[in-house]
Structure formats: structure tokens, C-alpha cells
Amino acid sequence: MNQRALIASAATALLSTMLLSTSAMGQTAAPKVEKEKCFGVAKAGQNDCANLAGTHSCAGQAKVDMDKGEWKYVAKGTCATMKGMSMEEAKKGMKS
């Protein structure tokens, strides 16, 4: 093995060791936040997936702000404070 390859190999090993020890040092995983679907809070183009009416099946396709059939994931327990609805409430609201 020539000297350049040996130096490059040693430098790579040292760098990867430093990166691994830095990422493991003092870093804690963020606590996993439980989420729930919240209907009626998504702005136009900011919904998370399919709507209740079935007119689209993809995120980002909401046409109007705060449509009762569109939803976003929010932290569990925060939907009511955002004046949102559960799926059951949204379904009832759409039938009326």
C-alpha cells in the first residue's frame, strides 16, 4: 500500500470515528409525539392526505382554508384547542 492510500485510509477512519462519537455524545432522541387527524384546520394546499369527500387522495390538494373534509396531523389532544374536529364530527358536519 502506498503512503497516500495509507494516509487517506487513516484520515477516513479518524473522521468517521469522530462523527460517530459526536453524534452519540450527549444527544438524546426526541420523544415521539402521538398524533391525531384534525379536520377543518388545514389551510389550502396544506392538508396531509385524502379528504372525506373522496375528491382527491393526496397531500397538498386542499382547495380552500379550513374545509371540514380536509385534515392535518396534530399533536394528540390539541385538535379541540385549534377549533378542529374528529373524523366522526367532520362526517356529521358534512351530512348537514
PDB file of N, CA and C in Angstrom:
ATOM      1  N   MET A   1       0.866  -1.167   0.000  1.00  0.00           N
ATOM      2  CA  MET A   1       0.000   0.000   0.000  1.00  0.00           C
ATOM      3  C   MET A   1       0.911   1.228   0.000  1.00  0.00           C
ATOM      4  N   ASN A   2       0.613   2.142  -0.874  1.00  0.00           N
ATOM      5  CA  ASN A   2       1.466   3.331  -0.925  1.00  0.00           C
ATOM      6  C   ASN A   2       1.115   4.298   0.201  1.00  0.00           C
ATOM      7  N   GLN A   3       1.961   5.259   0.399  1.00  0.00           N
ATOM      8  CA  GLN A   3       1.836   6.168   1.537  1.00  0.00           C
ATOM      9  C   GLN A   3       0.571   7.027   1.451  1.00  0.00           C
ATOM     10  N   ARG A   4       0.186   7.474   0.262  1.00  0.00           N
ATOM     11  CA  ARG A   4      -1.029   8.306   0.109  1.00  0.00           C
ATOM     12  C   ARG A   4      -2.281   7.524   0.473  1.00  0.00           C
ATOM     13  N   ALA A   5      -2.347   6.303   0.025  1.00  0.00           N
ATOM     14  CA  ALA A   5      -3.515   5.478   0.335  1.00  0.00           C
ATOM     15  C   ALA A   5      -3.595   5.212   1.836  1.00  0.00           C
ATOM     16  N   LEU A   6      -2.472   4.975   2.451  1.00  0.00           N
ATOM     17  CA  LEU A   6      -2.432   4.729   3.886  1.00  0.00           C
ATOM     18  C   LEU A   6      -2.901   5.962   4.663  1.00  0.00           C
ATOM     19  N   ILE A   7      -2.445   7.135   4.284  1.00  0.00           N
ATOM     20  CA  ILE A   7      -2.849   8.379   4.954  1.00  0.00           C
ATOM     21  C   ILE A   7      -4.339   8.646   4.731  1.00  0.00           C
ATOM     22  N   ALA A   8      -4.809   8.460   3.513  1.00  0.00           N
ATOM     23  CA  ALA A   8      -6.226   8.670   3.212  1.00  0.00           C
ATOM     24  C   ALA A   8      -7.096   7.713   4.013  1.00  0.00           C
ATOM     25  N   SER A   9      -6.673   6.470   4.115  1.00  0.00           N
ATOM     26  CA  SER A   9      -7.422   5.465   4.872  1.00  0.00           C
ATOM     27  C   SER A   9      -7.466   5.831   6.353  1.00  0.00           C
ATOM     28  N   ALA A  10      -6.341   6.250   6.891  1.00  0.00           N
ATOM     29  CA  ALA A  10      -6.289   6.631   8.305  1.00  0.00           C
ATOM     30  C   ALA A  10      -7.148   7.863   8.570  1.00  0.00           C
ATOM     31  N   ALA A  11      -7.102   8.838   7.675  1.00  0.00           N
ATOM     32  CA  ALA A  11      -7.902  10.054   7.834  1.00  0.00           C
ATOM     33  C   ALA A  11      -9.390   9.730   7.784  1.00  0.00           C
ATOM     34  N   THR A  12      -9.789   8.868   6.878  1.00  0.00           N
ATOM     35  CA  THR A  12     -11.191   8.463   6.763  1.00  0.00           C
ATOM     36  C   THR A  12     -11.645   7.759   8.028  1.00  0.00           C
ATOM     37  N   ALA A  13     -10.836   6.859   8.536  1.00  0.00           N
ATOM     38  CA  ALA A  13     -11.185   6.141   9.759  1.00  0.00           C
ATOM     39  C   ALA A  13     -11.315   7.101  10.935  1.00  0.00           C
ATOM     40  N   LEU A  14     -10.389   8.037  11.058  1.00  0.00           N
ATOM     41  CA  LEU A  14     -10.428   9.010  12.140  1.00  0.00           C
ATOM     42  C   LEU A  14     -11.666   9.894  12.049  1.00  0.00           C
ATOM     43  N   LEU A  15     -11.962  10.369  10.852  1.00  0.00           N
ATOM     44  CA  LEU A  15     -13.122  11.237  10.650  1.00  0.00           C
ATOM     45  C   LEU A  15     -14.421  10.505  10.972  1.00  0.00           C
ATOM     46  N   SER A  16     -14.562   9.291  10.501  1.00  0.00           N
ATOM     47  CA  SER A  16     -15.797   8.554  10.767  1.00  0.00           C
ATOM     48  C   SER A  16     -15.939   8.241  12.247  1.00  0.00           C
ATOM     49  N   THR A  17     -14.840   7.951  12.928  1.00  0.00           N
ATOM     50  CA  THR A  17     -14.885   7.709  14.370  1.00  0.00           C
ATOM     51  C   THR A  17     -15.315   8.976  15.103  1.00  0.00           C
ATOM     52  N   MET A  18     -14.789  10.107  14.697  1.00  0.00           N
ATOM     53  CA  MET A  18     -15.162  11.375  15.329  1.00  0.00           C
ATOM     54  C   MET A  18     -16.635  11.683  15.109  1.00  0.00           C
ATOM     55  N   LEU A  19     -17.120  11.447  13.908  1.00  0.00           N
ATOM     56  CA  LEU A  19     -18.523  11.721  13.616  1.00  0.00           C
ATOM     57  C   LEU A  19     -19.443  10.827  14.426  1.00  0.00           C
ATOM     58  N   LEU A  20     -19.094   9.557  14.530  1.00  0.00           N
ATOM     59  CA  LEU A  20     -19.925   8.632  15.296  1.00  0.00           C
ATOM     60  C   LEU A  20     -19.936   8.981  16.775  1.00  0.00           C
ATOM     61  N   SER A  21     -18.789   9.318  17.329  1.00  0.00           N
ATOM     62  CA  SER A  21     -18.744   9.630  18.754  1.00  0.00           C
ATOM     63  C   SER A  21     -19.437  10.959  19.041  1.00  0.00           C
ATOM     64  N   THR A  22     -19.359  11.917  18.127  1.00  0.00           N
ATOM     65  CA  THR A  22     -20.019  13.203  18.313  1.00  0.00           C
ATOM     66  C   THR A  22     -21.534  13.040  18.281  1.00  0.00           C
ATOM     67  N   SER A  23     -22.031  12.225  17.360  1.00  0.00           N
ATOM     68  CA  SER A  23     -23.479  12.066  17.263  1.00  0.00           C
ATOM     69  C   SER A  23     -24.032  11.277  18.439  1.00  0.00           C
ATOM     70  N   ALA A  24     -23.243  10.393  19.016  1.00  0.00           N
ATOM     71  CA  ALA A  24     -23.708   9.600  20.143  1.00  0.00           C
ATOM     72  C   ALA A  24     -23.557  10.347  21.462  1.00  0.00           C
ATOM     73  N   MET A  25     -22.689  11.337  21.495  1.00  0.00           N
ATOM     74  CA  MET A  25     -22.393  12.059  22.723  1.00  0.00           C
ATOM     75  C   MET A  25     -23.456  13.091  23.054  1.00  0.00           C
ATOM     76  N   GLY A  26     -24.088  12.935  24.186  1.00  0.00           N
ATOM     77  CA  GLY A  26     -24.981  13.967  24.681  1.00  0.00           C
ATOM     78  C   GLY A  26     -26.230  14.200  23.851  1.00  0.00           C
ATOM     79  N   GLN A  27     -26.447  13.431  22.851  1.00  0.00           N
ATOM     80  CA  GLN A  27     -27.622  13.621  22.027  1.00  0.00           C
ATOM     81  C   GLN A  27     -28.668  12.595  22.436  1.00  0.00           C
ATOM     82  N   THR A  28     -29.834  13.078  22.783  1.00  0.00           N
ATOM     83  CA  THR A  28     -30.912  12.160  23.119  1.00  0.00           C
ATOM     84  C   THR A  28     -31.956  12.229  22.021  1.00  0.00           C
ATOM     85  N   ALA A  29     -32.598  11.120  21.819  1.00  0.00           N
ATOM     86  CA  ALA A  29     -33.642  11.076  20.801  1.00  0.00           C
ATOM     87  C   ALA A  29     -34.825  11.914  21.271  1.00  0.00           C
ATOM     88  N   ALA A  30     -35.412  12.643  20.345  1.00  0.00           N
ATOM     89  CA  ALA A  30     -36.584  13.450  20.680  1.00  0.00           C
ATOM     90  C   ALA A  30     -37.731  12.506  21.037  1.00  0.00           C
ATOM     91  N   PRO A  31     -38.505  12.845  22.044  1.00  0.00           N
ATOM     92  CA  PRO A  31     -39.627  11.974  22.397  1.00  0.00           C
ATOM     93  C   PRO A  31     -40.631  11.922  21.257  1.00  0.00           C
ATOM     94  N   LYS A  32     -41.156  10.756  21.025  1.00  0.00           N
ATOM     95  CA  LYS A  32     -42.114  10.574  19.947  1.00  0.00           C
ATOM     96  C   LYS A  32     -43.459  11.148  20.384  1.00  0.00           C
ATOM     97  N   VAL A  33     -43.959  12.090  19.611  1.00  0.00           N
ATOM     98  CA  VAL A  33     -45.232  12.743  19.921  1.00  0.00           C
ATOM     99  C   VAL A  33     -46.346  11.988  19.212  1.00  0.00           C
ATOM    100  N   GLU A  34     -47.366  11.616  19.974  1.00  0.00           N
ATOM    101  CA  GLU A  34     -48.511  10.958  19.353  1.00  0.00           C
ATOM    102  C   GLU A  34     -49.290  11.990  18.543  1.00  0.00           C
ATOM    103  N   LYS A  35     -49.807  11.564  17.411  1.00  0.00           N
ATOM    104  CA  LYS A  35     -50.539  12.476  16.517  1.00  0.00           C
ATOM    105  C   LYS A  35     -51.959  11.971  16.315  1.00  0.00           C
ATOM    106  N   GLU A  36     -52.818  12.882  15.904  1.00  0.00           N
ATOM    107  CA  GLU A  36     -54.190  12.531  15.557  1.00  0.00           C
ATOM    108  C   GLU A  36     -54.623  13.369  14.357  1.00  0.00           C
ATOM    109  N   LYS A  37     -55.588  12.851  13.611  1.00  0.00           N
ATOM    110  CA  LYS A  37     -56.139  13.610  12.478  1.00  0.00           C
ATOM    111  C   LYS A  37     -57.052  14.688  13.036  1.00  0.00           C
ATOM    112  N   CYS A  38     -56.891  15.896  12.525  1.00  0.00           N
ATOM    113  CA  CYS A  38     -57.720  17.015  12.949  1.00  0.00           C
ATOM    114  C   CYS A  38     -58.350  17.626  11.696  1.00  0.00           C
ATOM    115  N   PHE A  39     -59.650  17.564  11.608  1.00  0.00           N
ATOM    116  CA  PHE A  39     -60.374  18.044  10.433  1.00  0.00           C
ATOM    117  C   PHE A  39     -60.782  19.502  10.604  1.00  0.00           C
ATOM    118  N   GLY A  40     -60.741  20.231   9.496  1.00  0.00           N
ATOM    119  CA  GLY A  40     -61.199  21.611   9.495  1.00  0.00           C
ATOM    120  C   GLY A  40     -60.148  22.628   9.895  1.00  0.00           C
ATOM    121  N   VAL A  41     -58.886  22.227   9.968  1.00  0.00           N
ATOM    122  CA  VAL A  41     -57.839  23.174  10.364  1.00  0.00           C
ATOM    123  C   VAL A  41     -56.792  23.390   9.278  1.00  0.00           C
ATOM    124  N   ALA A  42     -56.855  22.633   8.198  1.00  0.00           N
ATOM    125  CA  ALA A  42     -55.832  22.728   7.147  1.00  0.00           C
ATOM    126  C   ALA A  42     -56.070  23.950   6.264  1.00  0.00           C
ATOM    127  N   LYS A  43     -55.015  24.641   5.970  1.00  0.00           N
ATOM    128  CA  LYS A  43     -55.082  25.749   5.001  1.00  0.00           C
ATOM    129  C   LYS A  43     -55.039  25.159   3.602  1.00  0.00           C
ATOM    130  N   ALA A  44     -55.445  25.926   2.619  1.00  0.00           N
ATOM    131  CA  ALA A  44     -55.429  25.464   1.224  1.00  0.00           C
ATOM    132  C   ALA A  44     -54.020  25.014   0.858  1.00  0.00           C
ATOM    133  N   GLY A  45     -53.929  23.810   0.299  1.00  0.00           N
ATOM    134  CA  GLY A  45     -52.648  23.267  -0.127  1.00  0.00           C
ATOM    135  C   GLY A  45     -51.804  22.696   0.991  1.00  0.00           C
ATOM    136  N   GLN A  46     -52.320  22.660   2.226  1.00  0.00           N
ATOM    137  CA  GLN A  46     -51.518  22.171   3.344  1.00  0.00           C
ATOM    138  C   GLN A  46     -52.151  20.993   4.077  1.00  0.00           C
ATOM    139  N   ASN A  47     -53.107  20.301   3.441  1.00  0.00           N
ATOM    140  CA  ASN A  47     -53.698  19.118   4.056  1.00  0.00           C
ATOM    141  C   ASN A  47     -52.699  17.961   4.016  1.00  0.00           C
ATOM    142  N   ASP A  48     -52.921  16.964   4.879  1.00  0.00           N
ATOM    143  CA  ASP A  48     -51.980  15.855   4.947  1.00  0.00           C
ATOM    144  C   ASP A  48     -52.306  14.691   4.015  1.00  0.00           C
ATOM    145  N   CYS A  49     -53.543  14.460   3.674  1.00  0.00           N
ATOM    146  CA  CYS A  49     -53.839  13.359   2.747  1.00  0.00           C
ATOM    147  C   CYS A  49     -55.268  13.488   2.225  1.00  0.00           C
ATOM    148  N   ALA A  50     -55.853  12.362   1.838  1.00  0.00           N
ATOM    149  CA  ALA A  50     -57.172  12.339   1.196  1.00  0.00           C
ATOM    150  C   ALA A  50     -58.245  13.037   2.029  1.00  0.00           C
ATOM    151  N   ASN A  51     -59.205  13.634   1.341  1.00  0.00           N
ATOM    152  CA  ASN A  51     -60.303  14.295   2.053  1.00  0.00           C
ATOM    153  C   ASN A  51     -61.474  13.336   2.238  1.00  0.00           C
ATOM    154  N   LEU A  52     -62.434  13.731   3.067  1.00  0.00           N
ATOM    155  CA  LEU A  52     -63.591  12.881   3.339  1.00  0.00           C
ATOM    156  C   LEU A  52     -64.485  12.693   2.119  1.00  0.00           C
ATOM    157  N   ALA A  53     -64.575  13.698   1.281  1.00  0.00           N
ATOM    158  CA  ALA A  53     -65.450  13.614   0.106  1.00  0.00           C
ATOM    159  C   ALA A  53     -64.910  12.659  -0.946  1.00  0.00           C
ATOM    160  N   GLY A  54     -63.629  12.336  -0.880  1.00  0.00           N
ATOM    161  CA  GLY A  54     -63.038  11.429  -1.853  1.00  0.00           C
ATOM    162  C   GLY A  54     -62.709  12.084  -3.187  1.00  0.00           C
ATOM    163  N   THR A  55     -62.648  13.403  -3.231  1.00  0.00           N
ATOM    164  CA  THR A  55     -62.360  14.091  -4.486  1.00  0.00           C
ATOM    165  C   THR A  55     -60.871  14.157  -4.785  1.00  0.00           C
ATOM    166  N   HIS A  56     -60.020  13.845  -3.788  1.00  0.00           N
ATOM    167  CA  HIS A  56     -58.578  13.716  -4.026  1.00  0.00           C
ATOM    168  C   HIS A  56     -57.998  12.766  -2.984  1.00  0.00           C
ATOM    169  N   SER A  57     -56.830  12.243  -3.276  1.00  0.00           N
ATOM    170  CA  SER A  57     -56.223  11.274  -2.364  1.00  0.00           C
ATOM    171  C   SER A  57     -54.797  11.639  -1.980  1.00  0.00           C
ATOM    172  N   CYS A  58     -54.426  12.895  -2.185  1.00  0.00           N
ATOM    173  CA  CYS A  58     -53.034  13.278  -1.924  1.00  0.00           C
ATOM    174  C   CYS A  58     -52.927  14.495  -1.020  1.00  0.00           C
ATOM    175  N   ALA A  59     -51.778  14.581  -0.368  1.00  0.00           N
ATOM    176  CA  ALA A  59     -51.483  15.745   0.466  1.00  0.00           C
ATOM    177  C   ALA A  59     -51.305  16.971  -0.410  1.00  0.00           C
ATOM    178  N   GLY A  60     -51.639  18.123   0.141  1.00  0.00           N
ATOM    179  CA  GLY A  60     -51.418  19.379  -0.555  1.00  0.00           C
ATOM    180  C   GLY A  60     -52.457  19.720  -1.613  1.00  0.00           C
ATOM    181  N   GLN A  61     -53.582  19.037  -1.622  1.00  0.00           N
ATOM    182  CA  GLN A  61     -54.581  19.308  -2.654  1.00  0.00           C
ATOM    183  C   GLN A  61     -55.838  19.990  -2.133  1.00  0.00           C
ATOM    184  N   ALA A  62     -55.835  20.445  -0.892  1.00  0.00           N
ATOM    185  CA  ALA A  62     -56.984  21.180  -0.358  1.00  0.00           C
ATOM    186  C   ALA A  62     -57.130  22.480  -1.146  1.00  0.00           C
ATOM    187  N   LYS A  63     -58.347  22.802  -1.518  1.00  0.00           N
ATOM    188  CA  LYS A  63     -58.599  23.992  -2.341  1.00  0.00           C
ATOM    189  C   LYS A  63     -58.896  25.247  -1.530  1.00  0.00           C
ATOM    190  N   VAL A  64     -59.478  25.081  -0.331  1.00  0.00           N
ATOM    191  CA  VAL A  64     -59.839  26.244   0.488  1.00  0.00           C
ATOM    192  C   VAL A  64     -59.342  26.052   1.924  1.00  0.00           C
ATOM    193  N   ASP A  65     -59.185  27.141   2.631  1.00  0.00           N
ATOM    194  CA  ASP A  65     -58.783  27.086   4.032  1.00  0.00           C
ATOM    195  C   ASP A  65     -59.912  26.510   4.888  1.00  0.00           C
ATOM    196  N   MET A  66     -59.548  25.741   5.865  1.00  0.00           N
ATOM    197  CA  MET A  66     -60.430  25.233   6.918  1.00  0.00           C
ATOM    198  C   MET A  66     -61.634  24.430   6.403  1.00  0.00           C
ATOM    199  N   ASP A  67     -61.470  23.734   5.302  1.00  0.00           N
ATOM    200  CA  ASP A  67     -62.526  22.861   4.777  1.00  0.00           C
ATOM    201  C   ASP A  67     -62.768  21.741   5.785  1.00  0.00           C
ATOM    202  N   LYS A  68     -64.018  21.470   6.138  1.00  0.00           N
ATOM    203  CA  LYS A  68     -64.356  20.451   7.133  1.00  0.00           C
ATOM    204  C   LYS A  68     -63.934  19.049   6.704  1.00  0.00           C
ATOM    205  N   GLY A  69     -63.780  18.813   5.431  1.00  0.00           N
ATOM    206  CA  GLY A  69     -63.401  17.495   4.942  1.00  0.00           C
ATOM    207  C   GLY A  69     -61.905  17.293   4.817  1.00  0.00           C
ATOM    208  N   GLU A  70     -61.116  18.326   5.022  1.00  0.00           N
ATOM    209  CA  GLU A  70     -59.655  18.225   4.924  1.00  0.00           C
ATOM    210  C   GLU A  70     -59.061  18.115   6.324  1.00  0.00           C
ATOM    211  N   TRP A  71     -57.926  17.448   6.436  1.00  0.00           N
ATOM    212  CA  TRP A  71     -57.321  17.251   7.750  1.00  0.00           C
ATOM    213  C   TRP A  71     -55.813  17.385   7.722  1.00  0.00           C
ATOM    214  N   LYS A  72     -55.271  17.574   8.924  1.00  0.00           N
ATOM    215  CA  LYS A  72     -53.827  17.592   9.157  1.00  0.00           C
ATOM    216  C   LYS A  72     -53.558  16.766  10.408  1.00  0.00           C
ATOM    217  N   TYR A  73     -52.353  16.202  10.491  1.00  0.00           N
ATOM    218  CA  TYR A  73     -51.935  15.562  11.732  1.00  0.00           C
ATOM    219  C   TYR A  73     -51.517  16.650  12.705  1.00  0.00           C
ATOM    220  N   VAL A  74     -51.991  16.555  13.934  1.00  0.00           N
ATOM    221  CA  VAL A  74     -51.609  17.481  15.001  1.00  0.00           C
ATOM    222  C   VAL A  74     -51.260  16.654  16.232  1.00  0.00           C
ATOM    223  N   ALA A  75     -50.572  17.252  17.180  1.00  0.00           N
ATOM    224  CA  ALA A  75     -50.245  16.555  18.422  1.00  0.00           C
ATOM    225  C   ALA A  75     -51.536  16.132  19.119  1.00  0.00           C
ATOM    226  N   LYS A  76     -51.549  14.903  19.602  1.00  0.00           N
ATOM    227  CA  LYS A  76     -52.754  14.363  20.241  1.00  0.00           C
ATOM    228  C   LYS A  76     -53.212  15.270  21.374  1.00  0.00           C
ATOM    229  N   GLY A  77     -54.498  15.577  21.389  1.00  0.00           N
ATOM    230  CA  GLY A  77     -55.078  16.415  22.427  1.00  0.00           C
ATOM    231  C   GLY A  77     -55.125  17.899  22.098  1.00  0.00           C
ATOM    232  N   THR A  78     -54.598  18.292  20.930  1.00  0.00           N
ATOM    233  CA  THR A  78     -54.570  19.720  20.594  1.00  0.00           C
ATOM    234  C   THR A  78     -55.633  20.115  19.574  1.00  0.00           C
ATOM    235  N   CYS A  79     -56.301  19.157  18.979  1.00  0.00           N
ATOM    236  CA  CYS A  79     -57.266  19.453  17.911  1.00  0.00           C
ATOM    237  C   CYS A  79     -58.394  20.369  18.394  1.00  0.00           C
ATOM    238  N   ALA A  80     -58.953  20.065  19.544  1.00  0.00           N
ATOM    239  CA  ALA A  80     -60.080  20.859  20.057  1.00  0.00           C
ATOM    240  C   ALA A  80     -59.662  22.303  20.321  1.00  0.00           C
ATOM    241  N   THR A  81     -58.447  22.506  20.809  1.00  0.00           N
ATOM    242  CA  THR A  81     -57.998  23.875  21.089  1.00  0.00           C
ATOM    243  C   THR A  81     -57.774  24.657  19.800  1.00  0.00           C
ATOM    244  N   MET A  82     -57.590  23.933  18.681  1.00  0.00           N
ATOM    245  CA  MET A  82     -57.416  24.585  17.382  1.00  0.00           C
ATOM    246  C   MET A  82     -58.762  24.778  16.680  1.00  0.00           C
ATOM    247  N   LYS A  83     -59.845  24.438  17.393  1.00  0.00           N
ATOM    248  CA  LYS A  83     -61.200  24.504  16.854  1.00  0.00           C
ATOM    249  C   LYS A  83     -61.395  23.533  15.687  1.00  0.00           C
ATOM    250  N   GLY A  84     -60.702  22.384  15.797  1.00  0.00           N
ATOM    251  CA  GLY A  84     -60.823  21.329  14.802  1.00  0.00           C
ATOM    252  C   GLY A  84     -61.836  20.289  15.230  1.00  0.00           C
ATOM    253  N   MET A  85     -61.987  19.264  14.385  1.00  0.00           N
ATOM    254  CA  MET A  85     -62.967  18.209  14.643  1.00  0.00           C
ATOM    255  C   MET A  85     -62.335  16.840  14.462  1.00  0.00           C
ATOM    256  N   SER A  86     -62.904  15.860  15.156  1.00  0.00           N
ATOM    257  CA  SER A  86     -62.515  14.472  14.927  1.00  0.00           C
ATOM    258  C   SER A  86     -63.152  14.025  13.609  1.00  0.00           C
ATOM    259  N   MET A  87     -62.784  12.842  13.139  1.00  0.00           N
ATOM    260  CA  MET A  87     -63.359  12.345  11.892  1.00  0.00           C
ATOM    261  C   MET A  87     -64.885  12.188  12.012  1.00  0.00           C
ATOM    262  N   GLU A  88     -65.333  11.692  13.142  1.00  0.00           N
ATOM    263  CA  GLU A  88     -66.780  11.487  13.350  1.00  0.00           C
ATOM    264  C   GLU A  88     -67.530  12.813  13.304  1.00  0.00           C
ATOM    265  N   GLU A  89     -66.973  13.828  13.959  1.00  0.00           N
ATOM    266  CA  GLU A  89     -67.602  15.161  13.957  1.00  0.00           C
ATOM    267  C   GLU A  89     -67.610  15.754  12.553  1.00  0.00           C
ATOM    268  N   ALA A  90     -66.521  15.560  11.816  1.00  0.00           N
ATOM    269  CA  ALA A  90     -66.437  16.095  10.458  1.00  0.00           C
ATOM    270  C   ALA A  90     -67.450  15.417   9.544  1.00  0.00           C
ATOM    271  N   LYS A  91     -67.592  14.093   9.688  1.00  0.00           N
ATOM    272  CA  LYS A  91     -68.575  13.365   8.873  1.00  0.00           C
ATOM    273  C   LYS A  91     -69.985  13.858   9.150  1.00  0.00           C
ATOM    274  N   LYS A  92     -70.308  14.069  10.425  1.00  0.00           N
ATOM    275  CA  LYS A  92     -71.633  14.592  10.778  1.00  0.00           C
ATOM    276  C   LYS A  92     -71.836  15.988  10.196  1.00  0.00           C
ATOM    277  N   GLY A  93     -70.795  16.821  10.263  1.00  0.00           N
ATOM    278  CA  GLY A  93     -70.872  18.186   9.740  1.00  0.00           C
ATOM    279  C   GLY A  93     -71.044  18.225   8.232  1.00  0.00           C
ATOM    280  N   MET A  94     -70.514  17.242   7.528  1.00  0.00           N
ATOM    281  CA  MET A  94     -70.628  17.214   6.072  1.00  0.00           C
ATOM    282  C   MET A  94     -72.009  16.749   5.628  1.00  0.00           C
ATOM    283  N   LYS A  95     -72.683  15.936   6.445  1.00  0.00           N
ATOM    284  CA  LYS A  95     -74.026  15.442   6.105  1.00  0.00           C
ATOM    285  C   LYS A  95     -75.063  16.527   6.273  1.00  0.00           C
ATOM    286  N   SER A  96     -74.803  17.456   7.198  1.00  0.00           N
ATOM    287  CA  SER A  96     -75.781  18.520   7.479  1.00  0.00           C
ATOM    288  C   SER A  96     -75.884  19.498   6.347  1.00  0.00           C
TER     289      SER A  96
END
